[in-house]
Amino acid sequence: MSSPLVRFAPSPTGHLHVGNMRTALVNYLFARANDGQFMLRIDDTDDARSEAAYEDSIRFDLNWMGMQWDCEDRQSARLDKYHAGLQKLIESGRAYPCFETPEELSLKRKSQLSAGRPPVYDRGALKLTPDEIESRIAAGETPHYRFMLIHETVTWPDMVRGEQSIQMSSLSDPVILRADGRFIYTLASVIDDGDHGITHILRGEDHTTNSAAQYQLFEALGYT
């Protein structure tokens, strides 16, 4: 194995809990056992909830546990990278604007569930013409953006579970930029991992579906 670079990427929106510390410890020990590096990345794109006091608490807890990081970065310093990545996806036809409100999306999900269908986004926004999009923006509506998944089976290696695979048609196109201008973890994390050269991503099983969508994002952005 070549020298690995792993990252622990907490959001400073609260104190670390046991699950966070477990993830940090797994990454730290993996790096040390393989003569690699352990990065601390502060995922602070949620400026409405991020607080300096929580970031201080994160650093204190990691130091208290004896986990010293080798390098660090923060997402709020990389917004230009995310804008460039979004623009690349738009130009390649892999990102598209959507105008549905949370209430409208909730009604769609309820309708799908009541009809016995999985609550997957119906790509209704793709029916909008360029003129309709321009007109809605001119009228003061601010779109959010989704990443268009390719409906294929995505397979990737997992060091614990073995080979994993997901049929992408079972997933909704993920939102990557909110209407308020905040980038979602799904996109920002891929750009960070690609730019930093992260070699292994060690995280909880709750990120399995994220892994599938992010696999396609790595490809669409040219990192693989």
Protein backbone atom coordinates (compact mmCIF):
# COMPACT_ATOMS: atom_id res chain seq x y z
CA MET A 1 0.00 0.00 0.00
CA SER A 2 1.33 3.45 -0.92
CA SER A 3 1.39 6.06 1.83
CA PRO A 4 -2.29 6.85 2.54
CA LEU A 5 -3.88 10.22 3.20
CA VAL A 6 -7.14 10.09 5.17
CA ARG A 7 -9.33 12.81 6.59
CA PHE A 8 -11.65 13.47 9.49
CA ALA A 9 -14.15 16.12 8.44
CA PRO A 10 -16.40 17.30 11.29
CA SER A 11 -18.87 20.16 11.01
CA PRO A 12 -18.52 22.79 13.77
CA THR A 13 -22.27 22.86 14.38
CA GLY A 14 -22.11 21.01 17.70
CA HIS A 15 -19.86 19.01 19.98
CA LEU A 16 -18.33 15.71 18.88
CA HIS A 17 -20.18 12.59 20.03
CA VAL A 18 -18.94 9.02 20.46
CA GLY A 19 -19.67 8.12 16.84
CA ASN A 20 -17.62 11.08 15.61
CA MET A 21 -14.71 10.14 17.84
CA ARG A 22 -14.85 6.54 16.62
CA THR A 23 -14.60 7.73 13.01
CA ALA A 24 -11.72 10.04 13.88
CA LEU A 25 -9.89 7.27 15.73
CA VAL A 26 -10.29 4.77 12.88
CA ASN A 27 -8.87 7.29 10.42
CA TYR A 28 -6.03 8.28 12.74
CA LEU A 29 -4.98 4.69 13.51
CA PHE A 30 -5.20 3.68 9.85
CA ALA A 31 -2.89 6.54 8.88
CA ARG A 32 -0.39 5.79 11.64
CA ALA A 33 -0.39 2.03 10.96
CA ASN A 34 0.37 2.58 7.28
CA ASP A 35 2.91 5.42 7.56
CA GLY A 36 0.33 7.84 6.19
CA GLN A 37 -1.09 11.25 7.00
CA PHE A 38 -4.19 12.26 8.95
CA MET A 39 -5.97 15.43 7.81
CA LEU A 40 -8.41 17.52 9.82
CA ARG A 41 -10.89 19.22 7.51
CA ILE A 42 -13.44 21.58 9.02
CA ASP A 43 -16.67 21.24 7.02
CA ASP A 44 -18.05 24.69 7.80
CA THR A 45 -20.16 25.53 4.74
CA ASP A 46 -23.24 25.83 7.00
CA ASP A 47 -22.35 29.32 8.18
CA ALA A 48 -25.74 29.76 9.85
CA ARG A 49 -25.00 26.97 12.36
CA SER A 50 -21.19 26.85 12.49
CA GLU A 51 -19.61 28.37 15.58
CA ALA A 52 -16.00 29.01 16.54
CA ALA A 53 -16.69 27.58 19.99
CA TYR A 54 -17.64 24.22 18.48
CA GLU A 55 -14.52 24.20 16.33
CA ASP A 56 -12.41 24.90 19.42
CA SER A 57 -14.19 22.03 21.17
CA ILE A 58 -13.43 19.66 18.27
CA ARG A 59 -9.74 20.52 18.35
CA PHE A 60 -9.62 20.16 22.13
CA ASP A 61 -11.27 16.73 22.03
CA LEU A 62 -8.93 15.41 19.32
CA ASN A 63 -5.89 16.65 21.21
CA TRP A 64 -7.22 15.18 24.46
CA MET A 65 -7.48 11.81 22.71
CA GLY A 66 -3.91 12.16 21.45
CA MET A 67 -4.91 12.41 17.79
CA GLN A 68 -2.64 15.05 16.30
CA TRP A 69 -3.40 15.87 12.67
CA ASP A 70 -0.65 16.31 10.07
CA CYS A 71 -2.43 18.88 7.90
CA GLU A 72 -5.71 20.74 7.82
CA ASP A 73 -8.10 22.74 5.66
CA ARG A 74 -11.57 24.24 5.88
CA GLN A 75 -14.40 24.31 3.40
CA SER A 76 -15.27 27.98 3.87
CA ALA A 77 -11.88 28.82 2.32
CA ARG A 78 -12.63 26.77 -0.80
CA LEU A 79 -15.97 28.16 -2.01
CA ASP A 80 -14.42 29.24 -5.32
CA LYS A 81 -13.49 25.60 -5.96
CA TYR A 82 -17.08 24.49 -5.39
CA HIS A 83 -18.46 27.19 -7.71
CA ALA A 84 -16.03 26.08 -10.41
CA GLY A 85 -17.04 22.46 -9.91
CA LEU A 86 -20.73 23.32 -10.12
CA GLN A 87 -20.17 25.29 -13.31
CA LYS A 88 -18.34 22.35 -14.85
CA LEU A 89 -21.27 20.08 -14.04
CA ILE A 90 -23.77 22.58 -15.48
CA GLU A 91 -21.79 22.92 -18.70
CA SER A 92 -21.56 19.15 -19.09
CA GLY A 93 -25.29 18.72 -18.50
CA ARG A 94 -24.85 16.88 -15.20
CA ALA A 95 -26.26 19.63 -12.93
CA TYR A 96 -29.61 21.31 -13.41
CA PRO A 97 -31.69 24.02 -11.67
CA CYS A 98 -34.84 23.15 -9.74
CA PHE A 99 -37.50 25.43 -8.29
CA GLU A 100 -39.71 23.10 -6.21
CA THR A 101 -40.30 24.27 -2.66
CA PRO A 102 -39.85 21.90 0.30
CA GLU A 103 -43.63 21.72 0.55
CA GLU A 104 -43.99 20.73 -3.10
CA LEU A 105 -41.33 18.06 -2.78
CA SER A 106 -43.04 16.71 0.33
CA LEU A 107 -46.33 16.41 -1.55
CA LYS A 108 -44.58 14.55 -4.37
CA ARG A 109 -43.08 12.08 -1.91
CA LYS A 110 -46.42 11.50 -0.21
CA SER A 111 -48.10 10.92 -3.57
CA GLN A 112 -45.44 8.40 -4.60
CA LEU A 113 -45.66 6.52 -1.31
CA SER A 114 -49.45 6.38 -1.40
CA ALA A 115 -49.21 4.92 -4.91
CA GLY A 116 -46.77 2.28 -3.70
CA ARG A 117 -43.81 3.81 -5.52
CA PRO A 118 -40.40 4.64 -3.99
CA PRO A 119 -40.02 8.34 -3.12
CA VAL A 120 -37.43 9.12 -5.80
CA TYR A 121 -37.25 12.62 -7.30
CA ASP A 122 -39.14 12.61 -10.62
CA ARG A 123 -36.81 15.04 -12.42
CA GLY A 124 -39.73 17.35 -13.01
CA ALA A 125 -37.37 20.32 -13.29
CA LEU A 126 -35.89 18.87 -16.48
CA LYS A 127 -39.17 19.68 -18.24
CA LEU A 128 -38.47 23.41 -17.90
CA THR A 129 -37.26 25.14 -21.06
CA PRO A 130 -34.31 27.58 -20.95
CA ASP A 131 -36.76 30.46 -21.41
CA GLU A 132 -38.90 29.24 -18.50
CA ILE A 133 -35.83 28.96 -16.27
CA GLU A 134 -34.68 32.45 -17.23
CA SER A 135 -38.16 33.84 -16.63
CA ARG A 136 -38.42 32.32 -13.15
CA ILE A 137 -35.01 33.63 -12.15
CA ALA A 138 -35.90 37.08 -13.52
CA ALA A 139 -39.07 36.97 -11.42
CA GLY A 140 -36.97 36.54 -8.28
CA GLU A 141 -37.04 32.76 -7.84
CA THR A 142 -33.71 31.26 -6.79
CA PRO A 143 -33.12 27.68 -7.89
CA HIS A 144 -31.39 24.88 -6.08
CA TYR A 145 -29.25 22.53 -8.15
CA ARG A 146 -29.24 18.76 -8.43
CA PHE A 147 -26.62 16.38 -9.81
CA MET A 148 -28.01 14.13 -12.53
CA LEU A 149 -27.18 10.53 -11.75
CA ILE A 150 -26.53 8.04 -14.53
CA HIS A 151 -28.91 5.13 -14.06
CA GLU A 152 -26.41 2.29 -13.91
CA THR A 153 -25.10 -0.07 -11.26
CA VAL A 154 -22.24 1.56 -9.35
CA THR A 155 -19.78 -0.80 -7.68
CA TRP A 156 -16.89 0.07 -5.38
CA PRO A 157 -14.52 -1.80 -3.03
CA ASP A 158 -15.11 -1.66 0.73
CA MET A 159 -12.30 -2.82 3.02
CA VAL A 160 -14.78 -4.06 5.65
CA ARG A 161 -17.88 -5.21 3.74
CA GLY A 162 -16.24 -6.23 0.49
CA GLU A 163 -17.59 -5.19 -2.89
CA GLN A 164 -20.63 -2.90 -2.64
CA SER A 165 -23.06 -1.97 -5.39
CA ILE A 166 -26.16 0.17 -5.83
CA GLN A 167 -28.54 0.56 -8.77
CA MET A 168 -28.59 4.33 -9.22
CA SER A 169 -32.16 4.44 -10.53
CA SER A 170 -33.21 3.72 -6.94
CA LEU A 171 -31.78 7.06 -5.78
CA SER A 172 -32.91 10.65 -6.21
CA ASP A 173 -30.63 13.07 -8.01
CA PRO A 174 -28.92 14.67 -4.98
CA VAL A 175 -29.16 18.38 -4.26
CA ILE A 176 -25.66 19.86 -4.45
CA LEU A 177 -26.45 23.58 -4.00
CA ARG A 178 -29.26 24.95 -1.85
CA ALA A 179 -31.38 27.87 -2.98
CA ASP A 180 -29.73 29.97 -0.26
CA GLY A 181 -26.35 29.48 -1.94
CA ARG A 182 -24.90 26.92 0.45
CA PHE A 183 -23.10 23.94 -1.04
CA ILE A 184 -24.11 20.48 0.12
CA TYR A 185 -21.57 18.06 1.58
CA THR A 186 -22.15 15.67 -1.32
CA LEU A 187 -20.39 17.96 -3.82
CA ALA A 188 -18.02 19.86 -1.55
CA SER A 189 -16.57 16.69 -0.04
CA VAL A 190 -15.83 15.17 -3.46
CA ILE A 191 -14.00 18.30 -4.63
CA ASP A 192 -12.01 18.44 -1.39
CA ASP A 193 -11.11 14.75 -1.49
CA GLY A 194 -10.13 14.99 -5.15
CA ASP A 195 -8.02 18.12 -4.74
CA HIS A 196 -6.33 16.92 -1.56
CA GLY A 197 -5.59 13.48 -2.98
CA ILE A 198 -7.41 11.56 -0.25
CA THR A 199 -6.62 7.88 -0.80
CA HIS A 200 -9.08 6.16 1.55
CA ILE A 201 -12.47 7.33 2.85
CA LEU A 202 -13.28 5.79 6.23
CA ARG A 203 -16.74 6.67 7.54
CA GLY A 204 -19.99 5.24 8.85
CA GLU A 205 -22.32 2.90 6.98
CA ASP A 206 -24.92 5.67 6.90
CA HIS A 207 -22.88 7.13 4.03
CA THR A 208 -23.32 4.11 1.73
CA THR A 209 -25.75 5.82 -0.65
CA ASN A 210 -23.60 8.97 -0.53
CA SER A 211 -20.68 6.84 -1.68
CA ALA A 212 -22.56 5.74 -4.79
CA ALA A 213 -23.56 9.28 -5.77
CA GLN A 214 -20.11 10.62 -4.96
CA TYR A 215 -18.51 7.89 -7.08
CA GLN A 216 -20.31 9.36 -10.08
CA LEU A 217 -19.37 12.88 -9.01
CA PHE A 218 -15.68 11.93 -8.92
CA GLU A 219 -16.04 10.70 -12.51
CA ALA A 220 -18.07 13.71 -13.71
CA LEU A 221 -15.53 16.16 -12.26
CA GLY A 222 -12.60 14.32 -13.82
CA TYR A 223 -10.94 12.99 -10.67
CA THR A 224 -11.00 9.38 -11.90
